[in-house]
Amino acid sequence: MKVTVCIGSSCHIKGSRQVVEQLQYLINEAGVGDEVELAGTFCMGKCQQGVCVMVEDEFHSVTPDGVKGFFEENILKKVR
């Protein structure tokens, strides 16, 4: 599964660095590093919607406070 987080300027201001760091931690903690590829990209064109995250071909808007719930619902459930 490929998870791509926008690290462009708008998403950076909204907390993309924290989102990436938390996802890295949660992926390692859950032991799913072999199944989940975390990548960064620049603008996804939906800057007004918060930190943009693509899981495969599915778009999500994630806040630093919502990373754990996002991870459990949209990543962990799909790889287990």
PDB file of N, CA and C in Angstrom:
ATOM      1  N   MET A   1       0.854  -1.175   0.000  1.00  0.00           N
ATOM      2  CA  MET A   1       0.000   0.000   0.000  1.00  0.00           C
ATOM      3  C   MET A   1       0.896   1.232   0.000  1.00  0.00           C
ATOM      4  N   LYS A   2       0.588   2.175  -0.881  1.00  0.00           N
ATOM      5  CA  LYS A   2       1.352   3.417  -0.933  1.00  0.00           C
ATOM      6  C   LYS A   2       0.550   4.546  -0.297  1.00  0.00           C
ATOM      7  N   VAL A   3       1.187   5.247   0.638  1.00  0.00           N
ATOM      8  CA  VAL A   3       0.593   6.389   1.319  1.00  0.00           C
ATOM      9  C   VAL A   3       1.461   7.600   0.994  1.00  0.00           C
ATOM     10  N   THR A   4       0.863   8.597   0.356  1.00  0.00           N
ATOM     11  CA  THR A   4       1.606   9.781  -0.065  1.00  0.00           C
ATOM     12  C   THR A   4       1.066  11.003   0.656  1.00  0.00           C
ATOM     13  N   VAL A   5       1.974  11.748   1.282  1.00  0.00           N
ATOM     14  CA  VAL A   5       1.605  12.945   2.039  1.00  0.00           C
ATOM     15  C   VAL A   5       2.155  14.166   1.315  1.00  0.00           C
ATOM     16  N   CYS A   6       1.306  15.168   1.132  1.00  0.00           N
ATOM     17  CA  CYS A   6       1.751  16.421   0.526  1.00  0.00           C
ATOM     18  C   CYS A   6       2.661  17.161   1.502  1.00  0.00           C
ATOM     19  N   ILE A   7       3.807  17.595   0.992  1.00  0.00           N
ATOM     20  CA  ILE A   7       4.731  18.377   1.815  1.00  0.00           C
ATOM     21  C   ILE A   7       4.944  19.767   1.199  1.00  0.00           C
ATOM     22  N   GLY A   8       4.008  20.161   0.346  1.00  0.00           N
ATOM     23  CA  GLY A   8       4.056  21.495  -0.258  1.00  0.00           C
ATOM     24  C   GLY A   8       3.828  22.570   0.790  1.00  0.00           C
ATOM     25  N   SER A   9       4.019  23.817   0.409  1.00  0.00           N
ATOM     26  CA  SER A   9       3.991  24.914   1.386  1.00  0.00           C
ATOM     27  C   SER A   9       2.676  25.030   2.150  1.00  0.00           C
ATOM     28  N   SER A  10       1.541  24.921   1.483  1.00  0.00           N
ATOM     29  CA  SER A  10       0.259  25.055   2.167  1.00  0.00           C
ATOM     30  C   SER A  10       0.052  23.927   3.178  1.00  0.00           C
ATOM     31  N   CYS A  11       0.326  22.710   2.773  1.00  0.00           N
ATOM     32  CA  CYS A  11       0.169  21.573   3.688  1.00  0.00           C
ATOM     33  C   CYS A  11       1.223  21.604   4.798  1.00  0.00           C
ATOM     34  N   HIS A  12       2.415  22.101   4.463  1.00  0.00           N
ATOM     35  CA  HIS A  12       3.458  22.221   5.488  1.00  0.00           C
ATOM     36  C   HIS A  12       2.990  23.147   6.610  1.00  0.00           C
ATOM     37  N   ILE A  13       2.385  24.256   6.237  1.00  0.00           N
ATOM     38  CA  ILE A  13       1.879  25.215   7.225  1.00  0.00           C
ATOM     39  C   ILE A  13       0.790  24.575   8.084  1.00  0.00           C
ATOM     40  N   LYS A  14       0.013  23.665   7.497  1.00  0.00           N
ATOM     41  CA  LYS A  14      -1.087  23.014   8.214  1.00  0.00           C
ATOM     42  C   LYS A  14      -0.646  21.781   9.000  1.00  0.00           C
ATOM     43  N   GLY A  15       0.668  21.448   8.947  1.00  0.00           N
ATOM     44  CA  GLY A  15       1.172  20.372   9.796  1.00  0.00           C
ATOM     45  C   GLY A  15       1.609  19.097   9.098  1.00  0.00           C
ATOM     46  N   SER A  16       1.962  19.174   7.828  1.00  0.00           N
ATOM     47  CA  SER A  16       2.339  17.938   7.129  1.00  0.00           C
ATOM     48  C   SER A  16       3.562  17.256   7.740  1.00  0.00           C
ATOM     49  N   ARG A  17       4.487  18.028   8.282  1.00  0.00           N
ATOM     50  CA  ARG A  17       5.664  17.409   8.904  1.00  0.00           C
ATOM     51  C   ARG A  17       5.240  16.541  10.084  1.00  0.00           C
ATOM     52  N   GLN A  18       4.344  17.051  10.918  1.00  0.00           N
ATOM     53  CA  GLN A  18       3.860  16.272  12.054  1.00  0.00           C
ATOM     54  C   GLN A  18       3.089  15.038  11.583  1.00  0.00           C
ATOM     55  N   VAL A  19       2.312  15.184  10.507  1.00  0.00           N
ATOM     56  CA  VAL A  19       1.564  14.048   9.965  1.00  0.00           C
ATOM     57  C   VAL A  19       2.541  12.958   9.514  1.00  0.00           C
ATOM     58  N   VAL A  20       3.572  13.337   8.780  1.00  0.00           N
ATOM     59  CA  VAL A  20       4.565  12.372   8.299  1.00  0.00           C
ATOM     60  C   VAL A  20       5.254  11.686   9.476  1.00  0.00           C
ATOM     61  N   GLU A  21       5.692  12.478  10.461  1.00  0.00           N
ATOM     62  CA  GLU A  21       6.392  11.903  11.616  1.00  0.00           C
ATOM     63  C   GLU A  21       5.498  10.928  12.381  1.00  0.00           C
ATOM     64  N   GLN A  22       4.241  11.291  12.576  1.00  0.00           N
ATOM     65  CA  GLN A  22       3.325  10.404  13.292  1.00  0.00           C
ATOM     66  C   GLN A  22       3.035   9.142  12.491  1.00  0.00           C
ATOM     67  N   LEU A  23       2.872   9.266  11.180  1.00  0.00           N
ATOM     68  CA  LEU A  23       2.642   8.084  10.348  1.00  0.00           C
ATOM     69  C   LEU A  23       3.850   7.156  10.378  1.00  0.00           C
ATOM     70  N   GLN A  24       5.054   7.722  10.316  1.00  0.00           N
ATOM     71  CA  GLN A  24       6.264   6.897  10.407  1.00  0.00           C
ATOM     72  C   GLN A  24       6.268   6.119  11.712  1.00  0.00           C
ATOM     73  N   TYR A  25       5.979   6.791  12.800  1.00  0.00           N
ATOM     74  CA  TYR A  25       5.948   6.147  14.111  1.00  0.00           C
ATOM     75  C   TYR A  25       4.888   5.044  14.165  1.00  0.00           C
ATOM     76  N   LEU A  26       3.676   5.351  13.714  1.00  0.00           N
ATOM     77  CA  LEU A  26       2.576   4.387  13.777  1.00  0.00           C
ATOM     78  C   LEU A  26       2.829   3.172  12.877  1.00  0.00           C
ATOM     79  N   ILE A  27       3.403   3.392  11.715  1.00  0.00           N
ATOM     80  CA  ILE A  27       3.743   2.282  10.812  1.00  0.00           C
ATOM     81  C   ILE A  27       4.758   1.364  11.475  1.00  0.00           C
ATOM     82  N   ASN A  28       5.785   1.953  12.076  1.00  0.00           N
ATOM     83  CA  ASN A  28       6.803   1.145  12.758  1.00  0.00           C
ATOM     84  C   ASN A  28       6.239   0.443  13.981  1.00  0.00           C
ATOM     85  N   GLU A  29       5.432   1.166  14.762  1.00  0.00           N
ATOM     86  CA  GLU A  29       4.848   0.592  15.974  1.00  0.00           C
ATOM     87  C   GLU A  29       3.941  -0.589  15.655  1.00  0.00           C
ATOM     88  N   ALA A  30       3.191  -0.497  14.558  1.00  0.00           N
ATOM     89  CA  ALA A  30       2.268  -1.569  14.164  1.00  0.00           C
ATOM     90  C   ALA A  30       2.978  -2.702  13.427  1.00  0.00           C
ATOM     91  N   GLY A  31       4.243  -2.493  13.064  1.00  0.00           N
ATOM     92  CA  GLY A  31       4.996  -3.526  12.374  1.00  0.00           C
ATOM     93  C   GLY A  31       4.529  -3.773  10.945  1.00  0.00           C
ATOM     94  N   VAL A  32       4.032  -2.733  10.275  1.00  0.00           N
ATOM     95  CA  VAL A  32       3.527  -2.896   8.915  1.00  0.00           C
ATOM     96  C   VAL A  32       4.415  -2.188   7.878  1.00  0.00           C
ATOM     97  N   GLY A  33       5.664  -1.951   8.240  1.00  0.00           N
ATOM     98  CA  GLY A  33       6.589  -1.280   7.331  1.00  0.00           C
ATOM     99  C   GLY A  33       6.809  -2.009   6.021  1.00  0.00           C
ATOM    100  N   ASP A  34       6.660  -3.335   6.021  1.00  0.00           N
ATOM    101  CA  ASP A  34       6.829  -4.102   4.787  1.00  0.00           C
ATOM    102  C   ASP A  34       5.634  -3.947   3.857  1.00  0.00           C
ATOM    103  N   GLU A  35       4.477  -3.629   4.414  1.00  0.00           N
ATOM    104  CA  GLU A  35       3.256  -3.512   3.607  1.00  0.00           C
ATOM    105  C   GLU A  35       2.911  -2.075   3.232  1.00  0.00           C
ATOM    106  N   VAL A  36       3.463  -1.095   3.959  1.00  0.00           N
ATOM    107  CA  VAL A  36       3.094   0.303   3.749  1.00  0.00           C
ATOM    108  C   VAL A  36       4.315   1.108   3.320  1.00  0.00           C
ATOM    109  N   GLU A  37       4.199   1.740   2.165  1.00  0.00           N
ATOM    110  CA  GLU A  37       5.254   2.620   1.671  1.00  0.00           C
ATOM    111  C   GLU A  37       4.791   4.060   1.894  1.00  0.00           C
ATOM    112  N   LEU A  38       5.557   4.810   2.681  1.00  0.00           N
ATOM    113  CA  LEU A  38       5.228   6.205   2.971  1.00  0.00           C
ATOM    114  C   LEU A  38       6.085   7.095   2.085  1.00  0.00           C
ATOM    115  N   ALA A  39       5.440   8.000   1.361  1.00  0.00           N
ATOM    116  CA  ALA A  39       6.153   8.883   0.448  1.00  0.00           C
ATOM    117  C   ALA A  39       5.661  10.311   0.608  1.00  0.00           C
ATOM    118  N   GLY A  40       6.461  11.237   0.138  1.00  0.00           N
ATOM    119  CA  GLY A  40       6.085  12.643   0.137  1.00  0.00           C
ATOM    120  C   GLY A  40       5.972  13.144  -1.285  1.00  0.00           C
ATOM    121  N   THR A  41       5.166  14.165  -1.481  1.00  0.00           N
ATOM    122  CA  THR A  41       5.018  14.780  -2.793  1.00  0.00           C
ATOM    123  C   THR A  41       4.686  16.250  -2.593  1.00  0.00           C
ATOM    124  N   PHE A  42       4.813  17.002  -3.661  1.00  0.00           N
ATOM    125  CA  PHE A  42       4.403  18.391  -3.584  1.00  0.00           C
ATOM    126  C   PHE A  42       2.976  18.520  -4.071  1.00  0.00           C
ATOM    127  N   CYS A  43       2.459  19.680  -4.114  1.00  0.00           N
ATOM    128  CA  CYS A  43       1.045  20.009  -4.270  1.00  0.00           C
ATOM    129  C   CYS A  43       0.188  18.978  -5.007  1.00  0.00           C
ATOM    130  N   MET A  44      -0.919  18.619  -4.344  1.00  0.00           N
ATOM    131  CA  MET A  44      -1.912  17.717  -4.918  1.00  0.00           C
ATOM    132  C   MET A  44      -3.102  18.498  -5.473  1.00  0.00           C
ATOM    133  N   GLY A  45      -3.044  19.828  -5.346  1.00  0.00           N
ATOM    134  CA  GLY A  45      -4.089  20.668  -5.915  1.00  0.00           C
ATOM    135  C   GLY A  45      -5.333  20.840  -5.057  1.00  0.00           C
ATOM    136  N   LYS A  46      -5.271  20.405  -3.816  1.00  0.00           N
ATOM    137  CA  LYS A  46      -6.431  20.550  -2.920  1.00  0.00           C
ATOM    138  C   LYS A  46      -5.993  21.267  -1.642  1.00  0.00           C
ATOM    139  N   CYS A  47      -5.252  22.328  -1.828  1.00  0.00           N
ATOM    140  CA  CYS A  47      -4.598  23.039  -0.722  1.00  0.00           C
ATOM    141  C   CYS A  47      -5.560  23.505   0.364  1.00  0.00           C
ATOM    142  N   GLN A  48      -6.775  23.872   0.001  1.00  0.00           N
ATOM    143  CA  GLN A  48      -7.733  24.386   0.974  1.00  0.00           C
ATOM    144  C   GLN A  48      -8.257  23.310   1.917  1.00  0.00           C
ATOM    145  N   GLN A  49      -7.987  22.036   1.638  1.00  0.00           N
ATOM    146  CA  GLN A  49      -8.577  20.957   2.420  1.00  0.00           C
ATOM    147  C   GLN A  49      -7.688  20.414   3.533  1.00  0.00           C
ATOM    148  N   GLY A  50      -6.597  21.070   3.851  1.00  0.00           N
ATOM    149  CA  GLY A  50      -5.756  20.584   4.941  1.00  0.00           C
ATOM    150  C   GLY A  50      -4.599  19.778   4.423  1.00  0.00           C
ATOM    151  N   VAL A  51      -3.983  19.005   5.277  1.00  0.00           N
ATOM    152  CA  VAL A  51      -2.863  18.170   4.855  1.00  0.00           C
ATOM    153  C   VAL A  51      -3.431  17.070   3.955  1.00  0.00           C
ATOM    154  N   CYS A  52      -3.001  17.074   2.713  1.00  0.00           N
ATOM    155  CA  CYS A  52      -3.504  16.124   1.724  1.00  0.00           C
ATOM    156  C   CYS A  52      -2.737  14.807   1.815  1.00  0.00           C
ATOM    157  N   VAL A  53      -3.473  13.714   1.890  1.00  0.00           N
ATOM    158  CA  VAL A  53      -2.871  12.390   1.962  1.00  0.00           C
ATOM    159  C   VAL A  53      -3.605  11.480   0.985  1.00  0.00           C
ATOM    160  N   MET A  54      -2.847  10.761   0.171  1.00  0.00           N
ATOM    161  CA  MET A  54      -3.417   9.770  -0.734  1.00  0.00           C
ATOM    162  C   MET A  54      -3.061   8.382  -0.212  1.00  0.00           C
ATOM    163  N   VAL A  55      -4.082   7.536  -0.080  1.00  0.00           N
ATOM    164  CA  VAL A  55      -3.872   6.130   0.251  1.00  0.00           C
ATOM    165  C   VAL A  55      -4.274   5.379  -1.007  1.00  0.00           C
ATOM    166  N   GLU A  56      -3.252   4.843  -1.682  1.00  0.00           N
ATOM    167  CA  GLU A  56      -3.456   4.290  -3.027  1.00  0.00           C
ATOM    168  C   GLU A  56      -4.030   5.417  -3.887  1.00  0.00           C
ATOM    169  N   ASP A  57      -5.255   5.323  -4.368  1.00  0.00           N
ATOM    170  CA  ASP A  57      -5.849   6.374  -5.202  1.00  0.00           C
ATOM    171  C   ASP A  57      -6.959   7.133  -4.482  1.00  0.00           C
ATOM    172  N   GLU A  58      -7.012   7.013  -3.163  1.00  0.00           N
ATOM    173  CA  GLU A  58      -8.087   7.622  -2.386  1.00  0.00           C
ATOM    174  C   GLU A  58      -7.565   8.835  -1.616  1.00  0.00           C
ATOM    175  N   PHE A  59      -8.203  10.002  -1.837  1.00  0.00           N
ATOM    176  CA  PHE A  59      -7.783  11.251  -1.199  1.00  0.00           C
ATOM    177  C   PHE A  59      -8.363  11.385   0.201  1.00  0.00           C
ATOM    178  N   HIS A  60      -7.534  11.906   1.113  1.00  0.00           N
ATOM    179  CA  HIS A  60      -7.967  12.200   2.482  1.00  0.00           C
ATOM    180  C   HIS A  60      -7.383  13.536   2.904  1.00  0.00           C
ATOM    181  N   SER A  61      -8.094  14.220   3.775  1.00  0.00           N
ATOM    182  CA  SER A  61      -7.592  15.429   4.415  1.00  0.00           C
ATOM    183  C   SER A  61      -7.352  15.075   5.875  1.00  0.00           C
ATOM    184  N   VAL A  62      -6.105  15.252   6.327  1.00  0.00           N
ATOM    185  CA  VAL A  62      -5.717  14.804   7.666  1.00  0.00           C
ATOM    186  C   VAL A  62      -5.140  15.971   8.457  1.00  0.00           C
ATOM    187  N   THR A  63      -5.477  16.032   9.731  1.00  0.00           N
ATOM    188  CA  THR A  63      -4.874  17.030  10.617  1.00  0.00           C
ATOM    189  C   THR A  63      -3.877  16.311  11.518  1.00  0.00           C
ATOM    190  N   PRO A  64      -2.900  17.036  12.053  1.00  0.00           N
ATOM    191  CA  PRO A  64      -1.969  16.389  12.976  1.00  0.00           C
ATOM    192  C   PRO A  64      -2.678  15.709  14.157  1.00  0.00           C
ATOM    193  N   ASP A  65      -3.785  16.288  14.629  1.00  0.00           N
ATOM    194  CA  ASP A  65      -4.526  15.701  15.741  1.00  0.00           C
ATOM    195  C   ASP A  65      -5.292  14.440  15.349  1.00  0.00           C
ATOM    196  N   GLY A  66      -5.557  14.269  14.059  1.00  0.00           N
ATOM    197  CA  GLY A  66      -6.363  13.141  13.612  1.00  0.00           C
ATOM    198  C   GLY A  66      -5.588  11.992  12.995  1.00  0.00           C
ATOM    199  N   VAL A  67      -4.265  12.029  13.093  1.00  0.00           N
ATOM    200  CA  VAL A  67      -3.445  11.022  12.405  1.00  0.00           C
ATOM    201  C   VAL A  67      -3.701   9.613  12.921  1.00  0.00           C
ATOM    202  N   LYS A  68      -3.776   9.439  14.219  1.00  0.00           N
ATOM    203  CA  LYS A  68      -3.945   8.083  14.759  1.00  0.00           C
ATOM    204  C   LYS A  68      -5.236   7.435  14.265  1.00  0.00           C
ATOM    205  N   GLY A  69      -6.344   8.153  14.342  1.00  0.00           N
ATOM    206  CA  GLY A  69      -7.614   7.623  13.864  1.00  0.00           C
ATOM    207  C   GLY A  69      -7.584   7.358  12.366  1.00  0.00           C
ATOM    208  N   PHE A  70      -6.979   8.278  11.613  1.00  0.00           N
ATOM    209  CA  PHE A  70      -6.835   8.097  10.174  1.00  0.00           C
ATOM    210  C   PHE A  70      -6.037   6.832   9.875  1.00  0.00           C
ATOM    211  N   PHE A  71      -4.936   6.650  10.583  1.00  0.00           N
ATOM    212  CA  PHE A  71      -4.079   5.480  10.377  1.00  0.00           C
ATOM    213  C   PHE A  71      -4.833   4.184  10.658  1.00  0.00           C
ATOM    214  N   GLU A  72      -5.536   4.160  11.773  1.00  0.00           N
ATOM    215  CA  GLU A  72      -6.259   2.942  12.147  1.00  0.00           C
ATOM    216  C   GLU A  72      -7.355   2.601  11.144  1.00  0.00           C
ATOM    217  N   GLU A  73      -8.105   3.608  10.687  1.00  0.00           N
ATOM    218  CA  GLU A  73      -9.243   3.378   9.791  1.00  0.00           C
ATOM    219  C   GLU A  73      -8.843   3.140   8.338  1.00  0.00           C
ATOM    220  N   ASN A  74      -7.865   3.890   7.853  1.00  0.00           N
ATOM    221  CA  ASN A  74      -7.587   3.897   6.419  1.00  0.00           C
ATOM    222  C   ASN A  74      -6.329   3.159   6.000  1.00  0.00           C
ATOM    223  N   ILE A  75      -5.510   2.787   6.963  1.00  0.00           N
ATOM    224  CA  ILE A  75      -4.282   2.064   6.625  1.00  0.00           C
ATOM    225  C   ILE A  75      -4.255   0.704   7.321  1.00  0.00           C
ATOM    226  N   LEU A  76      -4.289   0.724   8.636  1.00  0.00           N
ATOM    227  CA  LEU A  76      -4.128  -0.513   9.396  1.00  0.00           C
ATOM    228  C   LEU A  76      -5.219  -1.553   9.070  1.00  0.00           C
ATOM    229  N   LYS A  77      -6.467  -1.115   9.002  1.00  0.00           N
ATOM    230  CA  LYS A  77      -7.566  -2.048   8.693  1.00  0.00           C
ATOM    231  C   LYS A  77      -7.416  -2.686   7.319  1.00  0.00           C
ATOM    232  N   LYS A  78      -6.780  -1.972   6.395  1.00  0.00           N
ATOM    233  CA  LYS A  78      -6.648  -2.465   5.018  1.00  0.00           C
ATOM    234  C   LYS A  78      -5.455  -3.396   4.819  1.00  0.00           C
ATOM    235  N   VAL A  79      -4.463  -3.323   5.697  1.00  0.00           N
ATOM    236  CA  VAL A  79      -3.285  -4.189   5.540  1.00  0.00           C
ATOM    237  C   VAL A  79      -3.352  -5.419   6.436  1.00  0.00           C
ATOM    238  N   ARG A  80      -4.308  -5.447   7.342  1.00  0.00           N
ATOM    239  CA  ARG A  80      -4.440  -6.604   8.241  1.00  0.00           C
ATOM    240  C   ARG A  80      -5.571  -7.491   7.846  1.00  0.00           C
TER     241      ARG A  80
END
